[in-house]
Amino acid sequence: MSVISRSQEYLSFRSSIPQRKLIVDDDNSKEWTLYEAGPKAVKCPLICFPPASGSADVYFRQVLGLSALGYRVIAIEYPIYWTMKEFLLGFRKLLDHLTLDKCHIFGASLGGFLAQKFAEFSFRSQRVASLILCNSFYDTTIFQQTNSAATFWMMPAMVLKKMVMGNFDTNLMDAEIADSVDFVVDKLDTMSQQALASRLTLNCMNSYVEPQKFRDVDVTLMDVFDECALSNAVREEMGKCYPDAKKASLKTGGNFPYLSKSMEVNVFIRIHLRKFDLGQFSAREMSKDEMDLMSEAEAVSF
């Protein structure tokens, strides 16, 4: 068991934040897993999409840290979906079930790609208020697996796990980053073959994002300067896709900075969400004193 899994912080999270299971499709096998904290009065929460290798609780430090500051945060884990359309329709049904017209999405790697696809899918009646894309991509062809993606469903779980985590050498990382990898490996070991195969299918099937369809959605691109699974060329292409995006750069963090450098990540999330604080798409519940102070500050700056 990883250091993080044994930590008091994680054990406190699991004992204080209930795990919810929701079925919103006609197919009862399509089960969403959610961890949620923060005020229910907030109608535009931050929803966290995990990478292909992650479960919903990879975001436990965002759920705990941000909800303590008044943010409503929902970390999710996807059902087994084999096509992009299935996923997009399923997530829309989840938002409808939660009675959420809009949300902010933090998405890492595959999670960031799915977040972009949902913003593209819902552009006519936009359900996404903003996006924070962490170590993400906009075109699945970068993985050079589009031809074999259709066969992932029948591959043994061990082969799929090696595809996801085989390139990580924790001996070359600092302790916090190594601990984050160990935690994700723990979670990967509990994932069924079908769940992992479906994630990798969505990750590698031939698909790309058309960002021009959701130009009005605020975007922050979050990257690390140290080693991660995505090349510098992919990061540069993301920058070209979103020329007006804000940049959030971490000196280190590896593939899972929301675990290894959670305090820095949470600060960047708060900076991203700050512009929404006084509007209808605020992700946090503010006290009257806070609202008065912010209104005064805006008046002075104006």
Protein backbone atom coordinates (compact mmCIF):
# COMPACT_ATOMS: atom_id res chain seq x y z
CA MET A 1 0.00 0.00 0.00
CA SER A 2 1.34 3.45 -0.95
CA VAL A 3 2.44 6.13 1.51
CA ILE A 4 -0.49 8.35 0.49
CA SER A 5 -3.03 5.54 0.92
CA ARG A 6 -1.80 5.08 4.50
CA SER A 7 -1.65 8.79 5.30
CA GLN A 8 -3.89 10.36 7.92
CA GLU A 9 -5.02 12.91 5.31
CA TYR A 10 -6.32 10.23 2.93
CA LEU A 11 -7.86 8.15 5.72
CA SER A 12 -9.63 11.28 6.97
CA PHE A 13 -10.94 11.91 3.46
CA ARG A 14 -12.34 8.40 3.13
CA SER A 15 -13.97 8.55 6.57
CA SER A 16 -15.50 12.01 6.12
CA ILE A 17 -16.48 12.18 2.42
CA PRO A 18 -18.97 9.48 1.39
CA GLN A 19 -18.50 7.67 -1.89
CA ARG A 20 -21.64 7.88 -4.03
CA LYS A 21 -22.67 5.62 -6.89
CA LEU A 22 -25.08 6.97 -9.50
CA ILE A 23 -26.71 5.36 -12.53
CA VAL A 24 -28.13 7.84 -15.03
CA ASP A 25 -28.27 5.66 -18.16
CA ASP A 26 -30.88 3.07 -19.07
CA ASP A 27 -28.10 0.49 -18.78
CA ASN A 28 -27.75 -0.29 -15.05
CA SER A 29 -24.12 -1.31 -15.51
CA LYS A 30 -23.12 2.30 -16.30
CA GLU A 31 -22.23 3.47 -12.81
CA TRP A 32 -20.64 6.83 -11.96
CA THR A 33 -18.58 7.14 -8.77
CA LEU A 34 -18.54 10.53 -7.02
CA TYR A 35 -16.92 12.20 -4.03
CA GLU A 36 -18.47 15.56 -3.23
CA ALA A 37 -17.86 18.26 -0.63
CA GLY A 38 -18.81 21.91 -0.23
CA PRO A 39 -22.06 23.87 -0.14
CA LYS A 40 -24.92 22.38 -2.15
CA ALA A 41 -26.24 25.91 -2.68
CA VAL A 42 -23.48 26.40 -5.26
CA LYS A 43 -24.99 25.60 -8.68
CA CYS A 44 -21.81 25.76 -10.78
CA PRO A 45 -19.32 23.50 -8.97
CA LEU A 46 -15.85 22.38 -9.94
CA ILE A 47 -15.99 18.84 -11.35
CA CYS A 48 -12.73 16.89 -11.57
CA PHE A 49 -12.14 14.41 -14.42
CA PRO A 50 -9.37 11.84 -13.73
CA PRO A 51 -6.76 10.56 -16.20
CA ALA A 52 -7.01 7.10 -17.75
CA SER A 53 -5.07 5.66 -14.83
CA GLY A 54 -6.93 7.48 -12.06
CA SER A 55 -9.94 6.92 -9.86
CA ALA A 56 -12.12 9.69 -8.45
CA ASP A 57 -10.13 9.85 -5.22
CA VAL A 58 -6.94 10.98 -6.97
CA TYR A 59 -8.48 14.41 -6.37
CA PHE A 60 -8.96 13.96 -2.63
CA ARG A 61 -6.61 16.89 -1.89
CA GLN A 62 -8.69 19.18 -4.09
CA VAL A 63 -11.95 17.97 -2.54
CA LEU A 64 -10.65 18.53 1.01
CA GLY A 65 -8.61 21.69 0.44
CA LEU A 66 -11.00 23.64 -1.76
CA SER A 67 -14.24 22.68 0.01
CA ALA A 68 -12.70 24.01 3.24
CA LEU A 69 -12.54 27.40 1.49
CA GLY A 70 -16.21 27.32 0.47
CA TYR A 71 -15.92 25.70 -2.97
CA ARG A 72 -18.24 22.92 -4.08
CA VAL A 73 -16.04 20.21 -5.57
CA ILE A 74 -17.14 16.94 -7.18
CA ALA A 75 -14.56 14.31 -8.14
CA ILE A 76 -15.92 11.71 -10.53
CA GLU A 77 -15.01 8.33 -11.95
CA TYR A 78 -16.40 7.30 -15.32
CA PRO A 79 -18.58 4.27 -16.08
CA ILE A 80 -17.46 1.85 -18.77
CA TYR A 81 -18.10 3.70 -22.03
CA TRP A 82 -16.66 2.50 -25.34
CA THR A 83 -17.45 5.47 -27.59
CA MET A 84 -17.06 9.20 -27.21
CA LYS A 85 -20.75 9.79 -27.92
CA GLU A 86 -21.68 7.39 -25.10
CA PHE A 87 -19.49 9.31 -22.67
CA LEU A 88 -20.75 12.74 -23.74
CA LEU A 89 -24.41 11.74 -23.49
CA GLY A 90 -23.75 10.02 -20.17
CA PHE A 91 -22.06 13.05 -18.61
CA ARG A 92 -24.86 15.31 -19.79
CA LYS A 93 -27.33 12.98 -18.07
CA LEU A 94 -25.20 13.13 -14.92
CA LEU A 95 -25.34 16.96 -14.92
CA ASP A 96 -29.11 16.78 -15.44
CA HIS A 97 -29.43 14.31 -12.56
CA LEU A 98 -27.44 16.64 -10.31
CA THR A 99 -29.59 19.58 -11.56
CA LEU A 100 -26.51 21.48 -12.74
CA ASP A 101 -26.93 23.76 -15.74
CA LYS A 102 -23.21 24.54 -15.85
CA CYS A 103 -19.97 23.48 -14.22
CA HIS A 104 -16.27 24.22 -14.18
CA ILE A 105 -14.12 21.22 -15.13
CA PHE A 106 -10.61 20.35 -14.02
CA GLY A 107 -9.38 17.58 -16.29
CA ALA A 108 -6.03 15.79 -16.28
CA SER A 109 -4.65 14.01 -19.36
CA LEU A 110 -7.60 11.92 -20.69
CA GLY A 111 -9.82 13.86 -18.28
CA GLY A 112 -8.76 17.11 -19.94
CA PHE A 113 -9.46 15.68 -23.38
CA LEU A 114 -12.94 14.52 -22.32
CA ALA A 115 -13.61 17.93 -20.76
CA GLN A 116 -12.77 19.65 -24.05
CA LYS A 117 -14.94 17.22 -25.99
CA PHE A 118 -17.87 17.94 -23.68
CA ALA A 119 -17.43 21.70 -24.11
CA GLU A 120 -17.41 21.10 -27.87
CA PHE A 121 -20.43 18.77 -27.67
CA SER A 122 -22.55 21.22 -25.64
CA PHE A 123 -21.52 24.41 -27.44
CA ARG A 124 -25.04 25.29 -28.64
CA SER A 125 -26.30 25.44 -25.04
CA GLN A 126 -22.95 25.53 -23.25
CA ARG A 127 -22.82 23.46 -20.06
CA VAL A 128 -19.18 24.30 -19.30
CA ALA A 129 -18.38 27.61 -17.61
CA SER A 130 -14.61 27.10 -17.73
CA LEU A 131 -11.86 24.51 -18.18
CA ILE A 132 -8.61 23.81 -16.35
CA LEU A 133 -6.60 21.39 -18.50
CA CYS A 134 -3.71 19.69 -16.71
CA ASN A 135 -1.03 17.85 -18.71
CA SER A 136 -3.64 17.35 -21.41
CA PHE A 137 -3.94 17.06 -25.20
CA TYR A 138 -6.43 17.83 -27.97
CA ASP A 139 -5.75 15.05 -30.51
CA THR A 140 -5.53 11.33 -29.69
CA THR A 141 -3.24 10.57 -32.63
CA ILE A 142 -0.27 11.68 -30.49
CA PHE A 143 -0.37 8.23 -28.84
CA GLN A 144 -0.03 6.42 -32.20
CA GLN A 145 -2.51 3.75 -31.05
CA THR A 146 -5.59 4.64 -33.09
CA ASN A 147 -5.35 1.46 -35.19
CA SER A 148 -5.17 -0.84 -32.15
CA ALA A 149 -7.65 1.03 -29.92
CA ALA A 150 -10.52 -1.16 -31.12
CA THR A 151 -8.76 -4.26 -29.73
CA PHE A 152 -8.14 -3.00 -26.18
CA TRP A 153 -11.38 -4.57 -24.93
CA MET A 154 -9.90 -8.07 -25.34
CA MET A 155 -6.37 -7.43 -24.06
CA PRO A 156 -5.38 -8.86 -20.64
CA ALA A 157 -5.46 -6.38 -17.76
CA MET A 158 -1.71 -6.80 -17.16
CA VAL A 159 -0.91 -5.69 -20.71
CA LEU A 160 -3.17 -2.65 -20.37
CA LYS A 161 -1.60 -1.67 -17.05
CA LYS A 162 1.87 -1.86 -18.57
CA MET A 163 0.71 0.43 -21.38
CA VAL A 164 -0.36 3.02 -18.80
CA MET A 165 2.37 2.86 -16.17
CA GLY A 166 5.26 0.95 -17.72
CA ASN A 167 7.41 4.01 -18.38
CA PHE A 168 7.46 5.37 -14.82
CA ASP A 169 10.65 4.89 -12.81
CA THR A 170 10.03 6.21 -9.31
CA ASN A 171 13.75 5.95 -8.48
CA LEU A 172 14.37 9.02 -10.64
CA MET A 173 11.73 11.18 -8.96
CA ASP A 174 11.56 13.24 -5.80
CA ALA A 175 9.68 11.65 -2.92
CA GLU A 176 6.38 13.51 -3.41
CA ILE A 177 6.18 12.65 -7.10
CA ALA A 178 7.19 9.03 -6.46
CA ASP A 179 4.47 8.79 -3.78
CA SER A 180 1.89 10.14 -6.27
CA VAL A 181 2.86 7.47 -8.82
CA ASP A 182 2.66 4.73 -6.16
CA PHE A 183 -0.82 5.92 -5.16
CA VAL A 184 -2.07 5.84 -8.77
CA VAL A 185 -0.52 2.38 -9.27
CA ASP A 186 -2.46 1.24 -6.19
CA LYS A 187 -5.68 2.51 -7.76
CA LEU A 188 -4.81 1.01 -11.12
CA ASP A 189 -4.46 -2.41 -9.50
CA THR A 190 -8.07 -2.22 -8.29
CA MET A 191 -9.46 -1.28 -11.71
CA SER A 192 -11.20 -4.00 -13.71
CA GLN A 193 -9.94 -5.01 -17.13
CA GLN A 194 -13.08 -3.61 -18.76
CA ALA A 195 -12.84 -0.27 -16.96
CA LEU A 196 -9.20 0.20 -17.94
CA ALA A 197 -9.80 -0.98 -21.50
CA SER A 198 -12.66 1.48 -21.94
CA ARG A 199 -10.53 4.38 -20.63
CA LEU A 200 -7.69 3.53 -22.99
CA THR A 201 -10.14 3.17 -25.87
CA LEU A 202 -11.45 6.70 -25.29
CA ASN A 203 -7.86 7.88 -24.87
CA CYS A 204 -6.60 6.42 -28.15
CA MET A 205 -9.56 6.17 -30.58
CA ASN A 206 -9.25 8.53 -33.53
CA SER A 207 -10.65 11.82 -32.20
CA TYR A 208 -9.70 15.47 -31.90
CA VAL A 209 -11.07 18.67 -30.39
CA GLU A 210 -12.45 21.65 -32.33
CA PRO A 211 -11.72 24.50 -29.88
CA GLN A 212 -13.23 27.13 -32.17
CA LYS A 213 -16.66 25.81 -31.13
CA PHE A 214 -16.23 26.95 -27.53
CA ARG A 215 -14.10 30.08 -27.77
CA ASP A 216 -16.20 31.78 -25.09
CA VAL A 217 -15.21 29.22 -22.46
CA ASP A 218 -12.41 30.40 -20.15
CA VAL A 219 -9.42 28.07 -20.28
CA THR A 220 -6.34 27.65 -18.09
CA LEU A 221 -3.55 25.35 -19.30
CA MET A 222 -1.67 23.74 -16.43
CA ASP A 223 1.70 22.17 -17.17
CA VAL A 224 4.79 20.96 -15.35
CA PHE A 225 8.37 21.72 -16.35
CA ASP A 226 9.71 18.32 -15.30
CA GLU A 227 9.16 14.91 -16.87
CA CYS A 228 5.62 13.81 -17.72
CA ALA A 229 4.01 11.54 -20.29
CA LEU A 230 3.34 14.37 -22.76
CA SER A 231 6.10 15.85 -24.91
CA ASN A 232 6.97 19.53 -25.19
CA ALA A 233 5.61 19.45 -28.75
CA VAL A 234 2.16 18.42 -27.44
CA ARG A 235 2.22 21.24 -24.88
CA GLU A 236 3.17 23.73 -27.56
CA GLU A 237 0.29 22.56 -29.76
CA MET A 238 -2.12 22.99 -26.85
CA GLY A 239 -0.86 26.54 -26.48
CA LYS A 240 -1.56 27.20 -30.16
CA CYS A 241 -5.07 25.77 -29.83
CA TYR A 242 -5.83 28.11 -26.93
CA PRO A 243 -3.86 31.31 -27.63
CA ASP A 244 -5.94 33.30 -25.11
CA ALA A 245 -5.69 30.72 -22.34
CA LYS A 246 -4.14 31.56 -19.00
CA LYS A 247 -0.99 29.60 -18.16
CA ALA A 248 -0.38 27.82 -14.86
CA SER A 249 3.12 26.36 -14.78
CA LEU A 250 4.61 24.24 -12.01
CA LYS A 251 8.36 23.78 -11.72
CA THR A 252 7.83 20.13 -10.78
CA GLY A 253 4.86 17.81 -10.34
CA GLY A 254 5.24 14.90 -12.76
CA ASN A 255 2.15 13.31 -14.27
CA PHE A 256 -0.04 13.83 -11.20
CA PRO A 257 0.69 17.32 -9.81
CA TYR A 258 -2.75 17.51 -8.16
CA LEU A 259 -1.40 14.77 -5.86
CA SER A 260 2.30 15.62 -5.63
CA LYS A 261 2.03 19.43 -5.54
CA SER A 262 -1.58 19.84 -4.45
CA MET A 263 -1.13 23.15 -2.62
CA GLU A 264 0.29 24.84 -5.73
CA VAL A 265 -2.40 23.28 -7.93
CA ASN A 266 -5.15 24.43 -5.57
CA VAL A 267 -3.79 27.99 -5.64
CA PHE A 268 -3.90 27.98 -9.45
CA ILE A 269 -7.46 26.59 -9.38
CA ARG A 270 -8.53 29.40 -7.03
CA ILE A 271 -6.90 32.01 -9.28
CA HIS A 272 -8.71 30.55 -12.29
CA LEU A 273 -12.09 30.55 -10.53
CA ARG A 274 -11.72 34.00 -8.93
CA LYS A 275 -13.22 35.90 -11.86
CA PHE A 276 -16.48 33.98 -11.35
CA ASP A 277 -16.77 34.67 -7.61
CA LEU A 278 -19.36 37.44 -7.81
CA GLY A 279 -21.41 36.01 -10.68
CA GLN A 280 -23.99 33.30 -11.24
CA PHE A 281 -21.26 30.81 -12.16
CA SER A 282 -19.35 31.07 -8.91
CA ALA A 283 -17.95 27.75 -7.69
CA ARG A 284 -17.92 28.86 -4.06
CA GLU A 285 -20.25 30.20 -1.44
CA MET A 286 -18.98 33.52 -0.11
CA SER A 287 -19.85 35.29 3.10
CA LYS A 288 -21.47 38.72 2.89
CA ASP A 289 -18.26 40.31 4.21
CA GLU A 290 -16.20 38.63 1.47
CA MET A 291 -18.65 39.79 -1.20
CA ASP A 292 -18.59 43.34 0.12
CA LEU A 293 -14.78 43.39 0.16
CA MET A 294 -14.58 42.06 -3.40
CA SER A 295 -17.15 44.57 -4.61
CA GLU A 296 -15.16 47.39 -3.00
CA ALA A 297 -11.93 46.12 -4.57
CA GLU A 298 -13.55 45.96 -8.00
CA ALA A 299 -14.90 49.49 -7.61
CA VAL A 300 -11.44 50.79 -6.66
CA SER A 301 -9.73 49.02 -9.58
CA PHE A 302 -12.38 50.34 -11.96
